[in-house]
Protein backbone atom coordinates (compact mmCIF):
# COMPACT_ATOMS: atom_id res chain seq x y z
CA MET A 1 114.27 82.27 77.23
CA LYS A 2 113.75 85.41 74.89
CA THR A 3 114.42 89.17 76.37
CA LEU A 4 113.55 92.47 75.19
CA LEU A 5 113.71 96.02 76.39
CA ILE A 6 110.94 97.63 74.93
CA ASP A 7 111.82 101.13 73.61
CA LYS A 8 108.44 102.77 73.94
CA GLU A 9 106.76 104.02 77.19
CA ILE A 10 103.87 101.67 78.26
CA LYS A 11 101.49 102.47 81.26
CA TYR A 12 101.30 99.23 83.21
CA GLU A 13 97.63 98.75 84.30
CA GLY A 14 97.83 95.08 85.29
CA TRP A 15 95.70 93.79 82.39
CA GLN A 16 99.06 93.32 80.29
CA LEU A 17 99.66 90.28 82.89
CA SER A 18 97.58 87.97 80.58
CA PRO A 19 98.45 84.97 78.25
CA HIS A 20 100.39 85.72 75.18
CA TRP A 21 100.51 89.37 75.77
CA ILE A 22 104.24 89.24 74.84
CA TYR A 23 103.73 86.96 71.94
CA LYS A 24 100.70 89.08 70.43
CA ASN A 25 102.57 92.54 71.01
CA PHE A 26 106.08 91.84 70.49
CA LYS A 27 106.13 88.51 68.42
CA LEU A 28 108.32 86.68 71.05
CA GLN A 29 106.85 83.14 71.11
CA GLY A 30 107.51 80.67 73.95
CA ASP A 31 109.22 81.54 77.29
CA ALA A 32 110.35 85.25 77.50
CA ILE A 33 110.78 88.29 79.83
CA VAL A 34 110.21 91.96 78.55
CA ALA A 35 111.31 95.21 80.24
CA PHE A 36 109.56 98.57 79.90
CA MET A 37 109.29 101.99 81.75
CA GLY A 38 106.10 103.98 82.49
CA GLU A 39 103.61 105.08 84.80
CA CYS A 40 102.01 101.95 86.72
CA ASN A 41 98.75 102.36 87.73
CA VAL A 42 96.81 99.20 88.84
CA LYS A 43 93.01 99.51 90.12
CA LEU A 44 91.71 96.98 92.22
CA SER A 45 89.62 95.75 89.59
CA GLU A 46 92.81 94.44 87.57
CA MET A 47 94.55 93.31 90.56
CA VAL A 48 95.60 89.48 90.65
CA ASP A 49 96.71 89.69 94.25
CA ILE A 50 93.43 88.94 96.04
CA GLU A 51 95.21 90.19 99.45
CA ASP A 52 95.83 93.63 98.06
CA VAL A 53 92.27 93.66 96.79
CA ILE A 54 90.92 92.65 100.42
CA ASN A 55 93.40 95.33 101.94
CA ASN A 56 91.98 98.04 99.52
CA GLU A 57 95.82 98.58 98.24
CA PRO A 58 95.94 99.47 94.71
CA ILE A 59 99.46 99.83 93.18
CA TYR A 60 100.74 103.22 91.55
CA SER A 61 103.87 104.68 90.63
CA LYS A 62 104.61 107.66 88.71
CA ASN A 63 107.39 105.80 86.75
CA MET A 64 108.44 102.30 86.84
CA LEU A 65 110.67 99.81 85.51
CA SER A 66 108.23 96.71 84.81
CA PHE A 67 109.19 93.28 84.03
CA ILE A 68 106.78 90.77 82.45
CA THR A 69 107.61 87.25 81.98
CA GLU A 70 105.47 84.30 80.70
CA GLN A 71 106.73 80.74 80.90
CA PHE A 72 105.07 77.44 79.85
CA ASN A 73 104.90 73.84 81.20
CA VAL A 74 105.42 75.36 84.69
CA GLU A 75 103.27 75.01 87.83
CA LEU A 76 102.30 77.88 90.15
CA THR A 77 104.25 76.79 92.84
CA GLU A 78 107.36 76.69 90.45
CA GLY A 79 106.19 80.24 89.19
CA VAL A 80 106.60 81.34 92.73
CA PHE A 81 109.94 80.06 92.91
CA ARG A 82 110.81 81.48 89.61
CA GLN A 83 109.36 84.99 90.94
CA ARG A 84 111.57 85.00 93.77
CA LEU A 85 114.52 84.12 91.87
CA LEU A 86 113.75 87.40 89.65
CA ILE A 87 113.72 89.33 92.69
CA CYS A 88 116.93 87.84 94.17
CA ILE A 89 118.62 88.69 90.58
CA ILE A 90 117.18 92.27 91.03
CA LYS A 91 118.86 92.61 94.45
CA GLU A 92 122.09 91.33 93.39
CA ALA A 93 122.08 93.95 90.52
CA LEU A 94 121.28 96.90 92.70
CA GLU A 95 123.87 95.55 95.36
CA LYS A 96 126.25 95.58 92.85
CA ARG A 97 125.71 99.20 92.36
CA GLY A 98 126.36 100.06 95.97
CA ILE A 99 122.70 99.77 97.10
CA GLN A 100 121.87 98.04 100.51
CA LEU A 101 118.56 96.28 100.31
CA THR A 102 116.39 93.79 102.26
CA ARG A 103 114.21 91.36 100.83
CA SER A 104 111.04 90.04 102.15
CA GLY A 105 109.44 87.32 100.40
CA ASP A 106 108.67 88.79 96.95
CA ASP A 107 109.47 92.54 97.92
CA LEU A 108 112.47 94.72 97.98
CA PHE A 109 112.93 97.33 100.70
CA VAL A 110 115.71 100.37 101.01
CA ASN A 111 115.50 101.89 104.68
CA ASN A 112 112.08 100.15 105.13
CA LYS A 113 110.84 101.89 102.15
CA LYS A 114 109.21 99.81 99.55
CA LEU A 115 111.14 99.56 96.13
CA THR A 116 109.26 96.70 94.20
CA VAL A 117 106.06 95.32 93.31
CA SER A 118 105.58 91.52 92.25
CA ILE A 119 103.04 89.00 91.54
CA ALA A 120 103.15 85.46 89.84
CA THR A 121 99.90 83.84 88.73
CA LYS A 122 98.84 80.82 86.36
CA SER A 123 96.98 80.89 83.18
CA LEU A 124 95.48 78.12 81.51
CA THR A 125 98.62 77.68 79.50
CA SER A 126 101.49 79.56 81.48
CA ILE A 127 102.63 80.99 84.47
CA LEU A 128 103.01 85.12 84.49
CA ILE A 129 105.14 87.37 86.44
CA HIS A 130 104.96 91.00 86.94
CA THR A 131 107.79 92.88 89.01
CA GLY A 132 107.96 96.58 88.98
CA ILE A 133 110.77 98.78 90.41
CA ASN A 134 110.08 102.32 91.25
CA ILE A 135 111.99 104.69 89.30
CA ASN A 136 110.15 107.61 90.86
CA SER A 137 108.45 107.16 94.49
CA GLU A 138 106.48 110.40 94.24
CA ASN A 139 102.89 110.08 95.11
CA ALA A 140 103.17 106.39 95.68
CA PRO A 141 100.56 105.10 97.82
CA VAL A 142 102.96 103.37 100.27
CA ASN A 143 106.25 104.53 101.96
CA ALA A 144 108.25 103.70 98.73
CA CYS A 145 111.71 104.80 97.28
CA GLY A 146 112.63 105.00 93.52
CA LEU A 147 115.79 104.10 91.73
CA LYS A 148 116.45 107.54 90.27
CA ASN A 149 114.84 110.02 92.78
CA ASP A 150 115.92 108.24 96.06
CA LEU A 151 118.81 106.10 94.99
CA GLY A 152 120.63 107.83 92.28
CA ILE A 153 120.54 105.10 89.84
CA ASN A 154 120.49 106.45 86.36
CA ASP A 155 121.55 103.52 83.97
CA ILE A 156 117.91 102.29 84.22
CA GLU A 157 118.17 100.52 80.59
CA ASP A 158 121.51 98.99 81.44
CA LEU A 159 120.03 97.68 84.78
CA ALA A 160 117.05 96.37 82.78
CA ILE A 161 119.04 94.62 80.08
CA GLU A 162 121.34 93.04 82.99
CA ILE A 163 118.63 91.73 85.11
CA MET A 164 116.54 90.05 82.22
CA THR A 165 119.90 88.52 80.60
CA LYS A 166 120.75 87.13 84.01
CA TYR A 167 117.37 85.76 84.68
CA SER A 168 117.20 84.31 81.18
CA GLU A 169 120.63 82.33 81.66
CA GLU A 170 119.71 81.28 85.08
CA ILE A 171 116.31 79.79 83.95
CA ASP A 172 118.05 78.19 80.83
CA ASP A 173 120.73 76.89 83.05
CA ILE A 174 118.62 75.24 85.58
CA ILE A 175 116.55 73.41 82.82
CA LEU A 176 119.90 72.36 81.32
CA ALA A 177 121.09 71.32 84.65
CA SER A 178 117.96 69.00 85.12
CA THR A 179 119.10 67.17 81.68
CA LYS A 180 122.74 66.09 82.95
CA VAL A 181 121.69 63.84 85.97
CA ARG A 182 120.68 60.16 86.04
CA GLY A 183 117.80 59.09 88.16
CA VAL A 184 118.32 57.06 91.25
């Protein structure tokens, strides 16, 4: 799986969670994960999570570390497993930095304050995952916390690279592991 830390600020608005967005914009063909920082403002009209639409819960973060991954030849249920794997990798990376977190499904919390947003969906050709980690929790529509302003995490780029590398290695290793066993 290819990885890329995008060195320009991108405002995540939800429409970027679309087939081949990574390939069209960053020339990474095939399975890939990218990370970028910037404001996150997902209006209900761009929401993939129908539950959030029904509950009238748009997403906003003044500054968020976003990950988008597109992976091919994967069904939606496996895509959700991969989304949960990404969340667990993020949790491990933050715990290594001394942060105590709890996970509930695809969400991470610090002292009952929401740190992440995440969704997995399926296109005609791939599964798509967006996971965002608040960098700044100011003006969030829910009780939230942020990496910098609440947790004192300042190595955001290093964190992003570590998470993408570990996720890529895990996915590649899972696929490789499936090729070394004989059927019974």
